PDB file of all heavy atoms in Angstrom:
ATOM      1  N   GLU A   1       0.831  -1.210   0.000  1.00  0.00           N
ATOM      2  CA  GLU A   1       0.000   0.000   0.000  1.00  0.00           C
ATOM      3  C   GLU A   1       0.863   1.257   0.000  1.00  0.00           C
ATOM      4  O   GLU A   1       0.505   2.262  -0.603  1.00  0.00           O
ATOM      5  CB  GLU A   1      -0.938   0.018   1.214  1.00  0.00           C
ATOM      6  CG  GLU A   1      -2.002  -1.053   1.187  1.00  0.00           C
ATOM      7  CD  GLU A   1      -1.511  -2.409   1.703  1.00  0.00           C
ATOM      8  OE1 GLU A   1      -0.364  -2.501   2.218  1.00  0.00           O
ATOM      9  OE2 GLU A   1      -2.275  -3.382   1.583  1.00  0.00           O
ATOM     10  N   VAL A   2       1.985   1.203   0.686  1.00  0.00           N
ATOM     11  CA  VAL A   2       2.902   2.345   0.721  1.00  0.00           C
ATOM     12  C   VAL A   2       3.478   2.595  -0.668  1.00  0.00           C
ATOM     13  O   VAL A   2       3.529   3.735  -1.148  1.00  0.00           O
ATOM     14  CB  VAL A   2       4.027   2.120   1.754  1.00  0.00           C
ATOM     15  CG1 VAL A   2       5.078   3.213   1.664  1.00  0.00           C
ATOM     16  CG2 VAL A   2       3.459   2.011   3.150  1.00  0.00           C
ATOM     17  N   LEU A   3       3.888   1.534  -1.325  1.00  0.00           N
ATOM     18  CA  LEU A   3       4.424   1.654  -2.681  1.00  0.00           C
ATOM     19  C   LEU A   3       3.346   2.160  -3.645  1.00  0.00           C
ATOM     20  O   LEU A   3       3.608   3.016  -4.496  1.00  0.00           O
ATOM     21  CB  LEU A   3       4.980   0.308  -3.153  1.00  0.00           C
ATOM     22  CG  LEU A   3       5.719   0.292  -4.472  1.00  0.00           C
ATOM     23  CD1 LEU A   3       6.896   1.250  -4.454  1.00  0.00           C
ATOM     24  CD2 LEU A   3       6.203  -1.115  -4.784  1.00  0.00           C
ATOM     25  N   ALA A   4       2.114   1.668  -3.487  1.00  0.00           N
ATOM     26  CA  ALA A   4       1.011   2.116  -4.351  1.00  0.00           C
ATOM     27  C   ALA A   4       0.709   3.596  -4.136  1.00  0.00           C
ATOM     28  O   ALA A   4       0.507   4.345  -5.099  1.00  0.00           O
ATOM     29  CB  ALA A   4      -0.228   1.275  -4.094  1.00  0.00           C
ATOM     30  N   ALA A   5       0.683   4.029  -2.879  1.00  0.00           N
ATOM     31  CA  ALA A   5       0.403   5.442  -2.582  1.00  0.00           C
ATOM     32  C   ALA A   5       1.512   6.340  -3.130  1.00  0.00           C
ATOM     33  O   ALA A   5       1.241   7.403  -3.697  1.00  0.00           O
ATOM     34  CB  ALA A   5       0.247   5.645  -1.084  1.00  0.00           C
ATOM     35  N   GLY A   6       2.754   5.922  -2.963  1.00  0.00           N
ATOM     36  CA  GLY A   6       3.869   6.704  -3.493  1.00  0.00           C
ATOM     37  C   GLY A   6       3.844   6.787  -5.005  1.00  0.00           C
ATOM     38  O   GLY A   6       4.079   7.849  -5.594  1.00  0.00           O
ATOM     39  N   THR A   7       3.538   5.663  -5.647  1.00  0.00           N
ATOM     40  CA  THR A   7       3.453   5.646  -7.107  1.00  0.00           C
ATOM     41  C   THR A   7       2.324   6.546  -7.598  1.00  0.00           C
ATOM     42  O   THR A   7       2.481   7.262  -8.588  1.00  0.00           O
ATOM     43  CB  THR A   7       3.252   4.201  -7.608  1.00  0.00           C
ATOM     44  OG1 THR A   7       4.338   3.400  -7.134  1.00  0.00           O
ATOM     45  CG2 THR A   7       3.192   4.133  -9.117  1.00  0.00           C
ATOM     46  N   LEU A   8       1.191   6.529  -6.908  1.00  0.00           N
ATOM     47  CA  LEU A   8       0.077   7.405  -7.276  1.00  0.00           C
ATOM     48  C   LEU A   8       0.478   8.874  -7.150  1.00  0.00           C
ATOM     49  O   LEU A   8       0.181   9.688  -8.036  1.00  0.00           O
ATOM     50  CB  LEU A   8      -1.143   7.113  -6.408  1.00  0.00           C
ATOM     51  CG  LEU A   8      -2.363   7.994  -6.662  1.00  0.00           C
ATOM     52  CD1 LEU A   8      -2.867   7.799  -8.092  1.00  0.00           C
ATOM     53  CD2 LEU A   8      -3.451   7.685  -5.649  1.00  0.00           C
ATOM     54  N   GLY A   9       1.160   9.208  -6.068  1.00  0.00           N
ATOM     55  CA  GLY A   9       1.617  10.592  -5.894  1.00  0.00           C
ATOM     56  C   GLY A   9       2.562  11.038  -6.992  1.00  0.00           C
ATOM     57  O   GLY A   9       2.461  12.153  -7.504  1.00  0.00           O
ATOM     58  N   ILE A  10       3.462  10.158  -7.386  1.00  0.00           N
ATOM     59  CA  ILE A  10       4.406  10.478  -8.461  1.00  0.00           C
ATOM     60  C   ILE A  10       3.673  10.613  -9.791  1.00  0.00           C
ATOM     61  O   ILE A  10       3.953  11.518 -10.587  1.00  0.00           O
ATOM     62  CB  ILE A  10       5.518   9.418  -8.531  1.00  0.00           C
ATOM     63  CG1 ILE A  10       6.378   9.495  -7.266  1.00  0.00           C
ATOM     64  CG2 ILE A  10       6.363   9.586  -9.784  1.00  0.00           C
ATOM     65  CD1 ILE A  10       7.301   8.319  -7.072  1.00  0.00           C
ATOM     66  N   ALA A  11       2.701   9.736 -10.040  1.00  0.00           N
ATOM     67  CA  ALA A  11       1.933   9.809 -11.290  1.00  0.00           C
ATOM     68  C   ALA A  11       1.143  11.114 -11.371  1.00  0.00           C
ATOM     69  O   ALA A  11       1.125  11.774 -12.424  1.00  0.00           O
ATOM     70  CB  ALA A  11       0.996   8.609 -11.398  1.00  0.00           C
ATOM     71  N   VAL A  12       0.503  11.501 -10.277  1.00  0.00           N
ATOM     72  CA  VAL A  12      -0.249  12.760 -10.262  1.00  0.00           C
ATOM     73  C   VAL A  12       0.688  13.941 -10.480  1.00  0.00           C
ATOM     74  O   VAL A  12       0.388  14.857 -11.257  1.00  0.00           O
ATOM     75  CB  VAL A  12      -1.035  12.906  -8.933  1.00  0.00           C
ATOM     76  CG1 VAL A  12      -1.587  14.310  -8.764  1.00  0.00           C
ATOM     77  CG2 VAL A  12      -2.150  11.887  -8.870  1.00  0.00           C
ATOM     78  N   SER A  13       1.832  13.913  -9.842  1.00  0.00           N
ATOM     79  CA  SER A  13       2.814  14.981 -10.011  1.00  0.00           C
ATOM     80  C   SER A  13       3.273  15.077 -11.467  1.00  0.00           C
ATOM     81  O   SER A  13       3.397  16.172 -12.015  1.00  0.00           O
ATOM     82  CB  SER A  13       4.012  14.724  -9.101  1.00  0.00           C
ATOM     83  OG  SER A  13       5.040  15.631  -9.351  1.00  0.00           O
ATOM     84  N   THR A  14       3.503  13.935 -12.091  1.00  0.00           N
ATOM     85  CA  THR A  14       3.941  13.917 -13.484  1.00  0.00           C
ATOM     86  C   THR A  14       2.877  14.507 -14.402  1.00  0.00           C
ATOM     87  O   THR A  14       3.183  15.297 -15.308  1.00  0.00           O
ATOM     88  CB  THR A  14       4.280  12.481 -13.915  1.00  0.00           C
ATOM     89  OG1 THR A  14       5.309  11.980 -13.049  1.00  0.00           O
ATOM     90  CG2 THR A  14       4.744  12.416 -15.352  1.00  0.00           C
ATOM     91  N   VAL A  15       1.623  14.174 -14.158  1.00  0.00           N
ATOM     92  CA  VAL A  15       0.529  14.722 -14.973  1.00  0.00           C
ATOM     93  C   VAL A  15       0.414  16.231 -14.771  1.00  0.00           C
ATOM     94  O   VAL A  15       0.293  16.991 -15.735  1.00  0.00           O
ATOM     95  CB  VAL A  15      -0.807  14.014 -14.639  1.00  0.00           C
ATOM     96  CG1 VAL A  15      -1.984  14.736 -15.267  1.00  0.00           C
ATOM     97  CG2 VAL A  15      -0.767  12.561 -15.102  1.00  0.00           C
ATOM     98  N   VAL A  16       0.471  16.681 -13.520  1.00  0.00           N
ATOM     99  CA  VAL A  16       0.367  18.120 -13.236  1.00  0.00           C
ATOM    100  C   VAL A  16       1.504  18.880 -13.914  1.00  0.00           C
ATOM    101  O   VAL A  16       1.282  19.928 -14.531  1.00  0.00           O
ATOM    102  CB  VAL A  16       0.356  18.381 -11.717  1.00  0.00           C
ATOM    103  CG1 VAL A  16       0.555  19.855 -11.401  1.00  0.00           C
ATOM    104  CG2 VAL A  16      -0.931  17.869 -11.102  1.00  0.00           C
ATOM    105  N   HIS A  17       2.712  18.360 -13.820  1.00  0.00           N
ATOM    106  CA  HIS A  17       3.842  19.032 -14.465  1.00  0.00           C
ATOM    107  C   HIS A  17       3.698  19.005 -15.983  1.00  0.00           C
ATOM    108  O   HIS A  17       4.043  19.974 -16.658  1.00  0.00           O
ATOM    109  CB  HIS A  17       5.164  18.398 -14.030  1.00  0.00           C
ATOM    110  CG  HIS A  17       5.563  18.796 -12.657  1.00  0.00           C
ATOM    111  ND1 HIS A  17       5.130  18.120 -11.543  1.00  0.00           N
ATOM    112  CD2 HIS A  17       6.327  19.808 -12.207  1.00  0.00           C
ATOM    113  CE1 HIS A  17       5.627  18.696 -10.476  1.00  0.00           C
ATOM    114  NE2 HIS A  17       6.350  19.734 -10.839  1.00  0.00           N
ATOM    115  N   GLY A  18       3.180  17.917 -16.530  1.00  0.00           N
ATOM    116  CA  GLY A  18       2.966  17.842 -17.975  1.00  0.00           C
ATOM    117  C   GLY A  18       1.928  18.838 -18.458  1.00  0.00           C
ATOM    118  O   GLY A  18       2.088  19.478 -19.497  1.00  0.00           O
ATOM    119  N   VAL A  19       0.844  18.982 -17.705  1.00  0.00           N
ATOM    120  CA  VAL A  19      -0.226  19.908 -18.085  1.00  0.00           C
ATOM    121  C   VAL A  19       0.241  21.360 -18.005  1.00  0.00           C
ATOM    122  O   VAL A  19      -0.192  22.206 -18.788  1.00  0.00           O
ATOM    123  CB  VAL A  19      -1.471  19.668 -17.191  1.00  0.00           C
ATOM    124  CG1 VAL A  19      -2.492  20.778 -17.327  1.00  0.00           C
ATOM    125  CG2 VAL A  19      -2.103  18.327 -17.512  1.00  0.00           C
ATOM    126  N   THR A  20       1.134  21.656 -17.089  1.00  0.00           N
ATOM    127  CA  THR A  20       1.589  23.036 -16.921  1.00  0.00           C
ATOM    128  C   THR A  20       2.806  23.380 -17.778  1.00  0.00           C
ATOM    129  O   THR A  20       3.311  24.503 -17.695  1.00  0.00           O
ATOM    130  CB  THR A  20       1.920  23.321 -15.441  1.00  0.00           C
ATOM    131  OG1 THR A  20       2.960  22.437 -15.014  1.00  0.00           O
ATOM    132  CG2 THR A  20       0.701  23.167 -14.560  1.00  0.00           C
ATOM    133  N   THR A  21       3.247  22.461 -18.618  1.00  0.00           N
ATOM    134  CA  THR A  21       4.428  22.719 -19.444  1.00  0.00           C
ATOM    135  C   THR A  21       4.222  23.881 -20.413  1.00  0.00           C
ATOM    136  O   THR A  21       5.040  24.802 -20.455  1.00  0.00           O
ATOM    137  CB  THR A  21       4.832  21.460 -20.223  1.00  0.00           C
ATOM    138  OG1 THR A  21       5.159  20.437 -19.288  1.00  0.00           O
ATOM    139  CG2 THR A  21       6.014  21.714 -21.119  1.00  0.00           C
ATOM    140  N   ALA A  22       3.153  23.852 -21.192  1.00  0.00           N
ATOM    141  CA  ALA A  22       2.933  24.909 -22.188  1.00  0.00           C
ATOM    142  C   ALA A  22       2.782  26.285 -21.537  1.00  0.00           C
ATOM    143  O   ALA A  22       3.453  27.244 -21.957  1.00  0.00           O
ATOM    144  CB  ALA A  22       1.729  24.582 -23.063  1.00  0.00           C
ATOM    145  N   PRO A  23       1.925  26.431 -20.504  1.00  0.00           N
ATOM    146  CA  PRO A  23       1.845  27.750 -19.863  1.00  0.00           C
ATOM    147  C   PRO A  23       3.161  28.165 -19.201  1.00  0.00           C
ATOM    148  O   PRO A  23       3.526  29.342 -19.220  1.00  0.00           O
ATOM    149  CB  PRO A  23       0.749  27.579 -18.798  1.00  0.00           C
ATOM    150  CG  PRO A  23      -0.026  26.390 -19.208  1.00  0.00           C
ATOM    151  CD  PRO A  23       0.912  25.516 -19.972  1.00  0.00           C
ATOM    152  N   GLY A  24       3.891  27.209 -18.649  1.00  0.00           N
ATOM    153  CA  GLY A  24       5.180  27.517 -18.027  1.00  0.00           C
ATOM    154  C   GLY A  24       6.194  28.018 -19.027  1.00  0.00           C
ATOM    155  O   GLY A  24       6.935  28.966 -18.763  1.00  0.00           O
ATOM    156  N   LEU A  25       6.227  27.379 -20.198  1.00  0.00           N
ATOM    157  CA  LEU A  25       7.148  27.834 -21.248  1.00  0.00           C
ATOM    158  C   LEU A  25       6.776  29.222 -21.750  1.00  0.00           C
ATOM    159  O   LEU A  25       7.652  30.044 -22.023  1.00  0.00           O
ATOM    160  CB  LEU A  25       7.164  26.841 -22.408  1.00  0.00           C
ATOM    161  CG  LEU A  25       7.914  25.547 -22.156  1.00  0.00           C
ATOM    162  CD1 LEU A  25       7.708  24.575 -23.308  1.00  0.00           C
ATOM    163  CD2 LEU A  25       9.382  25.802 -21.929  1.00  0.00           C
ATOM    164  N   ALA A  26       5.481  29.493 -21.860  1.00  0.00           N
ATOM    165  CA  ALA A  26       5.045  30.818 -22.308  1.00  0.00           C
ATOM    166  C   ALA A  26       5.463  31.888 -21.300  1.00  0.00           C
ATOM    167  O   ALA A  26       5.956  32.956 -21.689  1.00  0.00           O
ATOM    168  CB  ALA A  26       3.529  30.835 -22.502  1.00  0.00           C
ATOM    169  N   LEU A  27       5.284  31.615 -20.014  1.00  0.00           N
ATOM    170  CA  LEU A  27       5.712  32.576 -18.992  1.00  0.00           C
ATOM    171  C   LEU A  27       7.223  32.764 -18.999  1.00  0.00           C
ATOM    172  O   LEU A  27       7.721  33.879 -18.837  1.00  0.00           O
ATOM    173  CB  LEU A  27       5.256  32.109 -17.613  1.00  0.00           C
ATOM    174  CG  LEU A  27       3.778  32.238 -17.315  1.00  0.00           C
ATOM    175  CD1 LEU A  27       3.442  31.545 -16.002  1.00  0.00           C
ATOM    176  CD2 LEU A  27       3.375  33.695 -17.265  1.00  0.00           C
ATOM    177  N   TYR A  28       7.943  31.675 -19.180  1.00  0.00           N
ATOM    178  CA  TYR A  28       9.402  31.741 -19.214  1.00  0.00           C
ATOM    179  C   TYR A  28       9.875  32.581 -20.400  1.00  0.00           C
ATOM    180  O   TYR A  28      10.755  33.417 -20.269  1.00  0.00           O
ATOM    181  CB  TYR A  28       9.983  30.335 -19.282  1.00  0.00           C
ATOM    182  CG  TYR A  28      11.484  30.292 -19.222  1.00  0.00           C
ATOM    183  CD1 TYR A  28      12.142  30.469 -18.019  1.00  0.00           C
ATOM    184  CD2 TYR A  28      12.241  30.064 -20.361  1.00  0.00           C
ATOM    185  CE1 TYR A  28      13.525  30.432 -17.943  1.00  0.00           C
ATOM    186  CE2 TYR A  28      13.621  30.016 -20.306  1.00  0.00           C
ATOM    187  CZ  TYR A  28      14.260  30.197 -19.088  1.00  0.00           C
ATOM    188  OH  TYR A  28      15.623  30.163 -19.030  1.00  0.00           O
ATOM    189  N   ARG A  29       9.277  32.360 -21.574  1.00  0.00           N
ATOM    190  CA  ARG A  29       9.639  33.152 -22.757  1.00  0.00           C
ATOM    191  C   ARG A  29       9.332  34.628 -22.544  1.00  0.00           C
ATOM    192  O   ARG A  29      10.114  35.492 -22.917  1.00  0.00           O
ATOM    193  CB  ARG A  29       8.897  32.642 -23.986  1.00  0.00           C
ATOM    194  CG  ARG A  29       9.479  31.401 -24.547  1.00  0.00           C
ATOM    195  CD  ARG A  29       8.854  31.074 -25.891  1.00  0.00           C
ATOM    196  NE  ARG A  29       9.258  29.743 -26.284  1.00  0.00           N
ATOM    197  CZ  ARG A  29       8.431  28.753 -26.554  1.00  0.00           C
ATOM    198  NH1 ARG A  29       7.130  28.944 -26.494  1.00  0.00           N
ATOM    199  NH2 ARG A  29       8.876  27.574 -26.902  1.00  0.00           N
ATOM    200  N   ARG A  30       8.160  34.901 -21.967  1.00  0.00           N
ATOM    201  CA  ARG A  30       7.781  36.294 -21.731  1.00  0.00           C
ATOM    202  C   ARG A  30       8.763  36.962 -20.767  1.00  0.00           C
ATOM    203  O   ARG A  30       9.165  38.099 -20.968  1.00  0.00           O
ATOM    204  CB  ARG A  30       6.364  36.361 -21.165  1.00  0.00           C
ATOM    205  CG  ARG A  30       5.809  37.764 -21.143  1.00  0.00           C
ATOM    206  CD  ARG A  30       4.359  37.841 -20.702  1.00  0.00           C
ATOM    207  NE  ARG A  30       3.538  36.837 -21.347  1.00  0.00           N
ATOM    208  CZ  ARG A  30       2.599  36.128 -20.705  1.00  0.00           C
ATOM    209  NH1 ARG A  30       2.376  36.314 -19.425  1.00  0.00           N
ATOM    210  NH2 ARG A  30       1.876  35.250 -21.355  1.00  0.00           N
ATOM    211  N   ALA A  31       9.172  36.246 -19.736  1.00  0.00           N
ATOM    212  CA  ALA A  31      10.137  36.794 -18.780  1.00  0.00           C
ATOM    213  C   ALA A  31      11.509  36.965 -19.428  1.00  0.00           C
ATOM    214  O   ALA A  31      12.218  37.929 -19.143  1.00  0.00           O
ATOM    215  CB  ALA A  31      10.245  35.886 -17.562  1.00  0.00           C
ATOM    216  N   ALA A  32      11.884  36.043 -20.315  1.00  0.00           N
ATOM    217  CA  ALA A  32      13.194  36.116 -20.970  1.00  0.00           C
ATOM    218  C   ALA A  32      13.286  37.293 -21.938  1.00  0.00           C
ATOM    219  O   ALA A  32      14.356  37.840 -22.141  1.00  0.00           O
ATOM    220  CB  ALA A  32      13.485  34.810 -21.709  1.00  0.00           C
ATOM    221  N   THR A  33      12.149  37.678 -22.522  1.00  0.00           N
ATOM    222  CA  THR A  33      12.161  38.787 -23.474  1.00  0.00           C
ATOM    223  C   THR A  33      11.797  40.110 -22.816  1.00  0.00           C
ATOM    224  O   THR A  33      11.663  41.120 -23.494  1.00  0.00           O
ATOM    225  CB  THR A  33      11.176  38.524 -24.635  1.00  0.00           C
ATOM    226  OG1 THR A  33       9.852  38.403 -24.109  1.00  0.00           O
ATOM    227  CG2 THR A  33      11.560  37.296 -25.417  1.00  0.00           C
TER     228      THR A  33
END
């Protein structure tokens, strides 16, 4: 159960980071320019 809970947390984190990639890159570009 500990391994399952940890894996679920990592999977959710991966999805959240994936979904925020495009907006994050846009903000980064705007800040860079």
